[in-house]
C-alpha atoms as a PDB file:
ATOM      1  CA  MET A   1     -29.498 -23.410  20.425  1.00  0.00           C
ATOM      2  CA  SER A   2     -28.000 -20.256  21.892  1.00  0.00           C
ATOM      3  CA  ILE A   3     -29.529 -16.974  20.668  1.00  0.00           C
ATOM      4  CA  GLN A   4     -28.496 -13.734  22.378  1.00  0.00           C
ATOM      5  CA  VAL A   5     -29.720 -10.242  21.509  1.00  0.00           C
ATOM      6  CA  LYS A   6     -26.541  -8.136  21.644  1.00  0.00           C
ATOM      7  CA  SER A   7     -28.126  -4.762  20.901  1.00  0.00           C
ATOM      8  CA  LEU A   8     -31.610  -3.489  20.173  1.00  0.00           C
ATOM      9  CA  GLY A   9     -32.161   0.183  19.393  1.00  0.00           C
ATOM     10  CA  LEU A  10     -35.758   1.307  19.112  1.00  0.00           C
ATOM     11  CA  VAL A  11     -36.824   3.879  16.532  1.00  0.00           C
ATOM     12  CA  LYS A  12     -38.723   6.814  18.048  1.00  0.00           C
ATOM     13  CA  ASN A  13     -40.691   7.706  14.920  1.00  0.00           C
ATOM     14  CA  GLU A  14     -43.874   5.595  15.032  1.00  0.00           C
ATOM     15  CA  GLU A  15     -44.866   6.646  11.501  1.00  0.00           C
ATOM     16  CA  ILE A  16     -42.200   4.643   9.654  1.00  0.00           C
ATOM     17  CA  GLU A  17     -42.065   0.901   8.991  1.00  0.00           C
ATOM     18  CA  ILE A  18     -38.759   0.309  10.809  1.00  0.00           C
ATOM     19  CA  LYS A  19     -39.342  -0.133  14.549  1.00  0.00           C
ATOM     20  CA  ALA A  20     -35.893  -1.270  15.735  1.00  0.00           C
ATOM     21  CA  ILE A  21     -32.368  -2.126  14.592  1.00  0.00           C
ATOM     22  CA  ALA A  22     -30.738  -5.131  16.237  1.00  0.00           C
ATOM     23  CA  SER A  23     -27.659  -7.310  16.465  1.00  0.00           C
ATOM     24  CA  LEU A  24     -27.706 -10.849  17.734  1.00  0.00           C
ATOM     25  CA  GLU A  25     -25.444 -13.819  18.191  1.00  0.00           C
ATOM     26  CA  VAL A  26     -26.511 -17.316  17.168  1.00  0.00           C
ATOM     27  CA  GLU A  27     -24.206 -20.203  18.063  1.00  0.00           C
ATOM     28  CA  GLY A  28     -21.151 -17.950  17.862  1.00  0.00           C
ATOM     29  CA  MET A  29     -22.184 -16.186  14.631  1.00  0.00           C
ATOM     30  CA  ARG A  30     -22.948 -12.449  14.920  1.00  0.00           C
ATOM     31  CA  ILE A  31     -25.579 -10.812  12.696  1.00  0.00           C
ATOM     32  CA  ASP A  32     -25.684  -7.000  12.696  1.00  0.00           C
ATOM     33  CA  GLY A  33     -28.182  -4.618  11.117  1.00  0.00           C
ATOM     34  CA  ILE A  34     -31.354  -6.682  11.480  1.00  0.00           C
ATOM     35  CA  ARG A  35     -34.466  -4.530  11.172  1.00  0.00           C
ATOM     36  CA  VAL A  36     -37.653  -5.178  13.104  1.00  0.00           C
ATOM     37  CA  ASN A  37     -40.373  -3.845  10.806  1.00  0.00           C
ATOM     38  CA  GLU A  38     -44.124  -3.473  11.171  1.00  0.00           C
ATOM     39  CA  SER A  39     -46.419  -4.085   8.199  1.00  0.00           C
ATOM     40  CA  GLU A  40     -49.433  -1.906   7.404  1.00  0.00           C
ATOM     41  CA  ASN A  41     -51.715  -4.397   9.179  1.00  0.00           C
ATOM     42  CA  GLY A  42     -49.572  -4.361  12.353  1.00  0.00           C
ATOM     43  CA  ASN A  43     -47.622  -7.613  11.942  1.00  0.00           C
ATOM     44  CA  LEU A  44     -43.978  -7.561  13.028  1.00  0.00           C
ATOM     45  CA  TYR A  45     -41.331  -9.151  10.797  1.00  0.00           C
ATOM     46  CA  LEU A  46     -37.547  -9.201  10.439  1.00  0.00           C
ATOM     47  CA  GLN A  47     -35.540  -7.825   7.548  1.00  0.00           C
ATOM     48  CA  PHE A  48     -31.983  -9.119   7.394  1.00  0.00           C
ATOM     49  CA  PRO A  49     -29.142  -7.025   5.965  1.00  0.00           C
ATOM     50  CA  GLU A  50     -28.126  -7.142   2.330  1.00  0.00           C
ATOM     51  CA  ARG A  51     -24.744  -6.358   0.853  1.00  0.00           C
ATOM     52  CA  LYS A  52     -24.346  -4.988  -2.656  1.00  0.00           C
ATOM     53  CA  PHE A  53     -21.058  -4.876  -4.521  1.00  0.00           C
ATOM     54  CA  LYS A  54     -19.738  -4.739  -8.073  1.00  0.00           C
ATOM     55  CA  LYS A  55     -18.159  -7.757  -9.695  1.00  0.00           C
ATOM     56  CA  ARG A  56     -14.503  -7.309 -10.613  1.00  0.00           C
ATOM     57  CA  SER A  57     -13.856  -6.080 -14.150  1.00  0.00           C
ATOM     58  CA  THR A  58     -17.594  -5.587 -14.866  1.00  0.00           C
ATOM     59  CA  ASP A  59     -20.336  -3.220 -13.827  1.00  0.00           C
ATOM     60  CA  GLU A  60     -22.578  -6.093 -12.743  1.00  0.00           C
ATOM     61  CA  LEU A  61     -24.078  -5.478  -9.296  1.00  0.00           C
ATOM     62  CA  ILE A  62     -24.225  -8.489  -6.955  1.00  0.00           C
ATOM     63  CA  THR A  63     -26.555  -8.640  -3.939  1.00  0.00           C
ATOM     64  CA  THR A  64     -25.917 -11.098  -1.131  1.00  0.00           C
ATOM     65  CA  ARG A  65     -28.523 -11.920   1.489  1.00  0.00           C
ATOM     66  CA  LEU A  66     -28.549 -13.958   4.639  1.00  0.00           C
ATOM     67  CA  MET A  67     -30.785 -16.983   4.070  1.00  0.00           C
ATOM     68  CA  PHE A  68     -31.922 -19.677   6.482  1.00  0.00           C
ATOM     69  CA  ALA A  69     -32.119 -23.240   5.210  1.00  0.00           C
ATOM     70  CA  ASP A  70     -33.821 -24.369   8.422  1.00  0.00           C
ATOM     71  CA  ASN A  71     -37.198 -22.741   9.125  1.00  0.00           C
ATOM     72  CA  ASP A  72     -37.029 -23.753  12.806  1.00  0.00           C
ATOM     73  CA  VAL A  73     -33.811 -21.763  13.244  1.00  0.00           C
ATOM     74  CA  PHE A  74     -35.375 -18.729  11.567  1.00  0.00           C
ATOM     75  CA  LYS A  75     -38.519 -19.045  13.729  1.00  0.00           C
ATOM     76  CA  LYS A  76     -36.446 -19.170  16.942  1.00  0.00           C
ATOM     77  CA  ILE A  77     -34.427 -16.120  15.872  1.00  0.00           C
ATOM     78  CA  SER A  78     -37.566 -14.240  14.858  1.00  0.00           C
ATOM     79  CA  ASP A  79     -39.444 -15.078  18.075  1.00  0.00           C
ATOM     80  CA  THR A  80     -36.457 -14.107  20.247  1.00  0.00           C
ATOM     81  CA  LEU A  81     -35.917 -10.756  18.553  1.00  0.00           C
ATOM     82  CA  ILE A  82     -39.586  -9.780  18.265  1.00  0.00           C
ATOM     83  CA  ASN A  83     -40.213 -10.652  21.929  1.00  0.00           C
ATOM     84  CA  ALA A  84     -37.176  -8.560  22.970  1.00  0.00           C
ATOM     85  CA  TYR A  85     -38.551  -5.663  20.886  1.00  0.00           C
ATOM     86  CA  LYS A  86     -42.014  -5.928  22.475  1.00  0.00           C
ATOM     87  CA  GLU A  87     -40.544  -5.985  26.006  1.00  0.00           C
ATOM     88  CA  LYS A  88     -38.319  -2.966  25.345  1.00  0.00           C
ATOM     89  CA  LYS A  89     -41.157  -1.014  23.701  1.00  0.00           C
ATOM     90  CA  GLU A  90     -43.495  -1.819  26.600  1.00  0.00           C
ATOM     91  CA  LYS A  91     -40.920  -0.392  29.023  1.00  0.00           C
ATOM     92  CA  GLY A  92     -40.434   2.692  26.825  1.00  0.00           C
ATOM     93  CA  GLU A  93     -36.675   2.134  26.505  1.00  0.00           C
ATOM     94  CA  PHE A  94     -35.806   4.221  23.459  1.00  0.00           C
ATOM     95  CA  GLU A  95     -32.390   5.405  24.616  1.00  0.00           C
ATOM     96  CA  VAL A  96     -29.303   4.141  22.825  1.00  0.00           C
ATOM     97  CA  ALA A  97     -26.112   4.223  24.884  1.00  0.00           C
ATOM     98  CA  ASP A  98     -23.373   6.522  23.602  1.00  0.00           C
ATOM     99  CA  ILE A  99     -20.007   5.027  22.686  1.00  0.00           C
ATOM    100  CA  GLU A 100     -17.352   6.305  25.048  1.00  0.00           C
ATOM    101  CA  VAL A 101     -14.487   7.093  22.699  1.00  0.00           C
ATOM    102  CA  ASP A 102     -11.900   7.052  25.515  1.00  0.00           C
ATOM    103  CA  ASN A 103     -12.651   3.381  26.195  1.00  0.00           C
ATOM    104  CA  LYS A 104     -12.747   2.408  22.509  1.00  0.00           C
ATOM    105  CA  LYS A 105      -9.296   3.303  21.249  1.00  0.00           C
ATOM    106  CA  GLY A 106      -8.896   2.776  17.535  1.00  0.00           C
ATOM    107  CA  VAL A 107     -12.626   3.062  16.796  1.00  0.00           C
ATOM    108  CA  THR A 108     -13.419   5.355  13.893  1.00  0.00           C
ATOM    109  CA  VAL A 109     -16.944   6.092  12.683  1.00  0.00           C
ATOM    110  CA  THR A 110     -16.738   6.097   8.898  1.00  0.00           C
ATOM    111  CA  GLN A 111     -20.406   6.233   7.990  1.00  0.00           C
ATOM    112  CA  ALA A 112     -23.655   6.899   9.800  1.00  0.00           C
ATOM    113  CA  ASN A 113     -27.110   6.705   8.276  1.00  0.00           C
ATOM    114  CA  PRO A 114     -29.537   8.086  10.866  1.00  0.00           C
ATOM    115  CA  LEU A 115     -33.244   7.522  10.510  1.00  0.00           C
ATOM    116  CA  ASN A 116     -35.800  10.300  10.875  1.00  0.00           C
ATOM    117  CA  ASP A 117     -36.024  11.588  14.447  1.00  0.00           C
ATOM    118  CA  GLN A 118     -32.812   9.820  15.475  1.00  0.00           C
END
């Protein structure tokens, strides 16, 4: 199984639960917005993105989540991402590369939700 970490941005603020935001590719499928979180007792875990939207013609709110039917696949993804986080943190690599707008024609930032100290 091919698992590649495409991006991993560390959070500088050590006081919040979120430690990193990541994107990875698993067998050709890209997953963006994965959070590496740390529990109160120091355990690292992943939080996958959710999407909320309203159902047509009603006000009912629907939430979709990424779920893994195979625990082995989830374990491999989790181990890969948490190990990448630990390595990057150990090296102190908190910098996130800037997007060079000249090289990314047609890219428009429509929303940004920065975390504290970002």
